[in-house]
C-alpha cells in the first residue's frame, strides 16, 4: 500500500499505529481479518527516533529485538535505554564485575541489531521510582525527541521491570503524550502478567538476528532461555497474528501527533 494514499493511510490509522510500516491488528481483527501491511517510509524524508527502555541489558533484545531490527534495517535511529547495567545478576561476582560484563554483552547485542546503547545509571535489584528518577528519565527522553517509545509492561513480577515501565509512563504523561508508547512483554506468564496485546509485528524474517542479539548475553543462558520461553512466545503471538512469528505490544496512543508507522 502506498503511504501517500491518504484514504488508505486513514484506514490504517483507525486500526493501529506502531511505526514504520507494520503488520498490525486491532484486538477484534485477529487472526487473519483486515490485516494491514504498510510500506517502510523513506528515511531521508521521515527518519524516526525510536527509544526502547529496558530494566536490564537483554530486556529490549529479548522483548522486542525483532521489531527493533526492522527499524534499524530501515535506517531509523534506535536507542536502547538500559535502566541498569545488570549489576546484581551473579551472586559470585561483585557489582562492578557484573556491570562490566553485562555492559559488554549489551554493546555486542546492540551491534548485532544496529542500535545504540545508553545507560541511565540505576542499580539492578534496587531501582527507584521517585520524583528525582522521573526527572532523570524525562530529561533523557526530551533530549532524544522520540517518535515512538517502547517499554516494559509494568504489571510484572520483577520490580525493576515495574519501575522501568512506570518511569516511562510518567514521562509520557509529563510530555503531554506526544509520542506513541508501546509496552512489550518479557517472558509472559512467569514475569509479565495480564498482558493483552492490541498490536503485533511480524518478525519471521528477523528471528535469526534477534537470536544473535540474545546469544550475545552469555551470562543469561540465552540458548536455553530462548528455546524454553521466547521461541514459544514468538510462535504463539504469530498464531494470533496469522504469521509464523510475531512480537506483541500494548499501544498507548499519542495525544498530540499523528501516528508514526511500524516495520513491515
Protein backbone atom coordinates (compact mmCIF):
# COMPACT_ATOMS: atom_id res chain seq x y z
CA UNK A 1 0.00 0.00 0.00
CA UNK A 2 1.32 3.42 -0.94
CA UNK A 3 1.67 5.62 2.14
CA UNK A 4 0.90 8.68 0.02
CA UNK A 5 -2.65 7.39 -0.43
CA UNK A 6 -4.40 9.46 2.24
CA UNK A 7 -7.56 7.36 2.31
CA UNK A 8 -5.64 4.14 2.80
CA UNK A 9 -3.47 5.81 5.39
CA UNK A 10 -6.50 6.92 7.39
CA UNK A 11 -7.94 3.42 7.22
CA UNK A 12 -4.70 2.08 8.67
CA UNK A 13 -4.65 4.62 11.47
CA UNK A 14 -8.13 3.51 12.52
CA UNK A 15 -6.72 0.02 13.11
CA UNK A 16 -3.44 0.77 14.86
CA UNK A 17 -0.18 2.71 14.67
CA UNK A 18 3.04 1.04 15.64
CA UNK A 19 5.56 2.69 13.42
CA UNK A 20 7.45 2.17 10.25
CA UNK A 21 5.08 0.22 8.12
CA UNK A 22 3.95 -2.81 10.02
CA UNK A 23 1.79 -5.85 10.23
CA UNK A 24 -0.71 -4.68 12.82
CA UNK A 25 -4.12 -5.66 14.08
CA UNK A 26 -6.75 -4.30 16.37
CA UNK A 27 -7.95 -6.79 19.01
CA UNK A 28 -11.15 -7.57 17.09
CA UNK A 29 -9.31 -8.23 13.83
CA UNK A 30 -7.31 -11.28 14.97
CA UNK A 31 -6.49 -13.55 13.32
CA UNK A 32 -6.44 -13.14 9.59
CA UNK A 33 -9.06 -10.41 9.09
CA UNK A 34 -8.37 -6.88 7.92
CA UNK A 35 -4.63 -7.40 8.02
CA UNK A 36 -2.84 -4.23 7.04
CA UNK A 37 0.75 -4.06 5.81
CA UNK A 38 2.40 -0.66 5.40
CA UNK A 39 5.47 0.02 3.34
CA UNK A 40 8.53 1.34 5.16
CA UNK A 41 8.78 5.11 4.62
CA UNK A 42 11.81 6.74 3.04
CA UNK A 43 14.17 7.53 5.92
CA UNK A 44 15.56 10.50 4.03
CA UNK A 45 12.09 12.06 4.32
CA UNK A 46 10.85 10.69 7.63
CA UNK A 47 13.63 9.26 9.80
CA UNK A 48 12.18 8.18 13.12
CA UNK A 49 13.73 8.34 16.58
CA UNK A 50 12.91 5.11 18.42
CA UNK A 51 13.64 4.61 22.12
CA UNK A 52 13.35 1.21 23.79
CA UNK A 53 13.55 1.30 27.59
CA UNK A 54 14.70 -1.85 29.38
CA UNK A 55 15.37 -2.52 33.03
CA UNK A 56 18.47 -4.63 32.34
CA UNK A 57 20.80 -5.48 29.47
CA UNK A 58 18.94 -8.07 27.43
CA UNK A 59 15.39 -6.92 28.16
CA UNK A 60 14.87 -4.91 24.94
CA UNK A 61 16.63 -7.62 22.90
CA UNK A 62 14.54 -10.46 24.35
CA UNK A 63 11.28 -8.49 24.48
CA UNK A 64 11.21 -6.79 21.07
CA UNK A 65 14.55 -7.34 19.33
CA UNK A 66 12.88 -8.40 16.10
CA UNK A 67 10.87 -5.19 15.85
CA UNK A 68 13.92 -3.09 16.71
CA UNK A 69 15.88 -4.87 13.97
CA UNK A 70 13.21 -3.85 11.47
CA UNK A 71 13.52 -0.21 12.44
CA UNK A 72 17.32 -0.16 12.28
CA UNK A 73 17.40 -2.09 8.99
CA UNK A 74 15.07 0.54 7.55
CA UNK A 75 17.57 3.25 8.51
CA UNK A 76 15.78 4.68 11.52
CA UNK A 77 17.57 5.76 14.68
CA UNK A 78 17.12 3.26 17.54
CA UNK A 79 18.41 3.66 21.11
CA UNK A 80 18.27 1.00 23.81
CA UNK A 81 17.93 2.85 27.09
CA UNK A 82 19.01 0.45 29.85
CA UNK A 83 17.86 1.47 33.32
CA UNK A 84 20.67 -0.58 34.96
CA UNK A 85 23.81 -2.49 33.95
CA UNK A 86 22.68 -5.81 35.46
CA UNK A 87 24.89 -5.39 38.50
CA UNK A 88 23.09 -7.96 40.67
CA UNK A 89 22.96 -10.72 38.09
CA UNK A 90 25.60 -13.03 39.60
CA UNK A 91 25.96 -13.56 43.37
CA UNK A 92 29.50 -14.84 42.81
CA UNK A 93 30.65 -11.57 41.26
CA UNK A 94 30.89 -8.04 42.59
CA UNK A 95 28.51 -5.43 41.23
CA UNK A 96 31.40 -3.84 39.36
CA UNK A 97 32.40 -7.14 37.74
CA UNK A 98 28.85 -7.99 36.71
CA UNK A 99 28.23 -4.47 35.42
CA UNK A 100 31.34 -4.59 33.23
CA UNK A 101 30.41 -7.99 31.84
CA UNK A 102 26.76 -7.19 31.22
CA UNK A 103 27.66 -3.85 29.65
CA UNK A 104 29.96 -5.56 27.17
CA UNK A 105 27.25 -8.09 26.33
CA UNK A 106 24.77 -5.27 25.73
CA UNK A 107 27.20 -3.46 23.43
CA UNK A 108 27.73 -6.66 21.40
CA UNK A 109 23.98 -7.26 21.16
CA UNK A 110 23.36 -3.68 20.06
CA UNK A 111 25.92 -4.03 17.29
CA UNK A 112 24.07 -7.10 16.02
CA UNK A 113 20.84 -5.09 15.88
CA UNK A 114 22.49 -1.86 14.66
CA UNK A 115 21.15 0.13 17.61
CA UNK A 116 22.80 2.45 20.14
CA UNK A 117 23.11 1.50 23.84
CA UNK A 118 22.68 4.11 26.56
CA UNK A 119 22.67 3.57 30.34
CA UNK A 120 20.53 5.53 32.79
CA UNK A 121 22.56 4.75 35.92
CA UNK A 122 20.18 2.99 38.31
CA UNK A 123 21.23 -0.19 40.16
CA UNK A 124 19.97 -3.66 39.32
CA UNK A 125 17.66 -5.01 42.02
CA UNK A 126 17.45 -1.63 43.71
CA UNK A 127 15.74 0.57 41.14
CA UNK A 128 13.85 3.58 42.40
CA UNK A 129 10.55 5.14 41.39
CA UNK A 130 10.70 8.72 42.65
CA UNK A 131 10.34 12.32 41.56
CA UNK A 132 14.11 12.54 41.12
CA UNK A 133 14.31 9.44 38.93
CA UNK A 134 11.26 10.56 36.98
CA UNK A 135 13.05 13.85 36.29
CA UNK A 136 16.18 11.99 35.13
CA UNK A 137 14.34 9.86 32.58
CA UNK A 138 12.17 12.76 31.49
CA UNK A 139 15.29 14.79 30.70
CA UNK A 140 16.74 11.97 28.59
CA UNK A 141 13.54 11.44 26.64
CA UNK A 142 13.05 15.16 26.00
CA UNK A 143 16.59 15.43 24.64
CA UNK A 144 16.02 12.41 22.38
CA UNK A 145 12.73 13.76 20.98
CA UNK A 146 11.33 10.27 20.30
CA UNK A 147 8.61 9.49 17.78
CA UNK A 148 7.91 6.13 19.43
CA UNK A 149 8.93 4.70 22.80
CA UNK A 150 8.83 1.03 23.82
CA UNK A 151 8.98 -0.04 27.44
CA UNK A 152 8.16 -2.81 29.92
CA UNK A 153 4.56 -3.61 30.75
CA UNK A 154 4.58 -2.58 34.43
CA UNK A 155 2.37 -5.46 35.63
CA UNK A 156 5.32 -7.77 36.12
CA UNK A 157 6.82 -9.98 38.81
CA UNK A 158 10.19 -8.20 38.55
CA UNK A 159 10.33 -4.90 40.43
CA UNK A 160 12.91 -3.43 38.04
CA UNK A 161 10.54 -4.09 35.13
CA UNK A 162 7.74 -2.39 37.05
CA UNK A 163 9.91 0.65 37.72
CA UNK A 164 11.10 0.93 34.10
CA UNK A 165 7.53 0.80 32.81
CA UNK A 166 6.15 3.28 35.32
CA UNK A 167 9.01 5.76 34.87
CA UNK A 168 8.38 5.71 31.13
CA UNK A 169 4.64 6.05 31.60
CA UNK A 170 5.16 9.08 33.86
CA UNK A 171 7.46 10.70 31.30
CA UNK A 172 4.90 10.07 28.55
CA UNK A 173 2.25 11.85 30.64
CA UNK A 174 4.55 14.75 31.56
CA UNK A 175 5.48 15.17 27.88
CA UNK A 176 1.78 15.60 27.11
CA UNK A 177 1.61 12.16 25.49
CA UNK A 178 3.42 13.50 22.45
CA UNK A 179 4.74 10.12 21.23
CA UNK A 180 3.24 6.70 20.69
CA UNK A 181 4.17 4.37 23.55
CA UNK A 182 4.23 0.58 23.27
CA UNK A 183 4.52 -1.82 26.17
CA UNK A 184 6.32 -5.08 25.40
CA UNK A 185 6.29 -8.41 27.20
CA UNK A 186 9.22 -10.31 28.71
CA UNK A 187 8.59 -13.98 29.42
CA UNK A 188 4.82 -13.72 29.78
CA UNK A 189 3.34 -15.97 32.42
CA UNK A 190 6.35 -16.22 34.70
CA UNK A 191 7.22 -12.49 34.62
CA UNK A 192 4.92 -10.29 32.51
CA UNK A 193 1.33 -10.69 33.72
CA UNK A 194 -2.16 -9.76 32.46
CA UNK A 195 -0.72 -8.79 29.07
CA UNK A 196 -3.42 -8.46 26.39
CA UNK A 197 -1.81 -7.08 23.23
CA UNK A 198 -3.53 -4.88 20.68
CA UNK A 199 -0.67 -4.61 18.16
CA UNK A 200 1.59 -7.18 16.50
CA UNK A 201 4.72 -7.14 14.35
CA UNK A 202 5.66 -9.99 12.05
CA UNK A 203 9.30 -10.86 12.91
CA UNK A 204 9.54 -14.04 10.83
CA UNK A 205 12.47 -12.67 8.84
CA UNK A 206 14.12 -11.14 11.90
CA UNK A 207 14.17 -14.19 14.18
CA UNK A 208 17.80 -15.07 13.47
CA UNK A 209 19.01 -11.52 14.00
CA UNK A 210 17.06 -11.33 17.25
CA UNK A 211 18.53 -14.65 18.39
CA UNK A 212 22.05 -13.38 17.59
CA UNK A 213 21.44 -10.39 19.86
CA UNK A 214 20.08 -12.64 22.60
CA UNK A 215 23.03 -15.04 22.35
CA UNK A 216 25.37 -12.10 22.99
CA UNK A 217 24.06 -12.12 26.56
CA UNK A 218 26.05 -15.21 27.52
CA UNK A 219 25.51 -14.71 31.25
CA UNK A 220 21.75 -15.12 30.77
CA UNK A 221 21.78 -18.72 29.49
CA UNK A 222 20.39 -17.38 26.20
CA UNK A 223 20.01 -20.60 24.19
CA UNK A 224 18.02 -22.36 26.88
CA UNK A 225 16.08 -19.20 27.66
CA UNK A 226 15.15 -18.73 24.02
CA UNK A 227 14.20 -22.36 23.42
CA UNK A 228 12.23 -22.67 26.64
CA UNK A 229 10.37 -19.36 26.63
CA UNK A 230 10.80 -16.91 23.76
CA UNK A 231 10.59 -19.32 20.84
CA UNK A 232 7.17 -20.41 22.08
CA UNK A 233 6.09 -16.81 22.71
CA UNK A 234 7.03 -15.78 19.18
CA UNK A 235 5.14 -18.76 17.73
CA UNK A 236 2.07 -18.12 19.90
CA UNK A 237 1.94 -14.43 19.03
CA UNK A 238 2.46 -15.47 15.42
CA UNK A 239 -0.61 -17.69 15.62
CA UNK A 240 -2.62 -14.77 16.97
CA UNK A 241 -1.36 -12.57 14.13
CA UNK A 242 -1.62 -15.28 11.44
CA UNK A 243 2.13 -15.28 10.70
CA UNK A 244 4.99 -17.63 11.60
CA UNK A 245 6.50 -15.48 14.38
CA UNK A 246 5.47 -12.18 15.92
CA UNK A 247 6.10 -9.80 18.77
CA UNK A 248 3.11 -8.31 20.57
CA UNK A 249 2.53 -4.92 22.16
CA UNK A 250 0.02 -2.81 24.03
CA UNK A 251 -0.33 0.62 22.45
CA UNK A 252 -0.87 3.88 24.32
CA UNK A 253 -1.54 6.38 21.53
CA UNK A 254 -0.04 9.81 21.18
CA UNK A 255 -2.30 12.72 22.05
CA UNK A 256 -0.54 15.38 20.03
CA UNK A 257 0.96 13.65 16.98
CA UNK A 258 -0.34 11.74 14.02
CA UNK A 259 0.71 8.11 14.50
CA UNK A 260 4.14 7.03 13.32
CA UNK A 261 4.42 3.83 11.33
CA UNK A 262 5.74 0.39 12.12
CA UNK A 263 8.00 -2.04 10.27
CA UNK A 264 6.67 -4.49 7.77
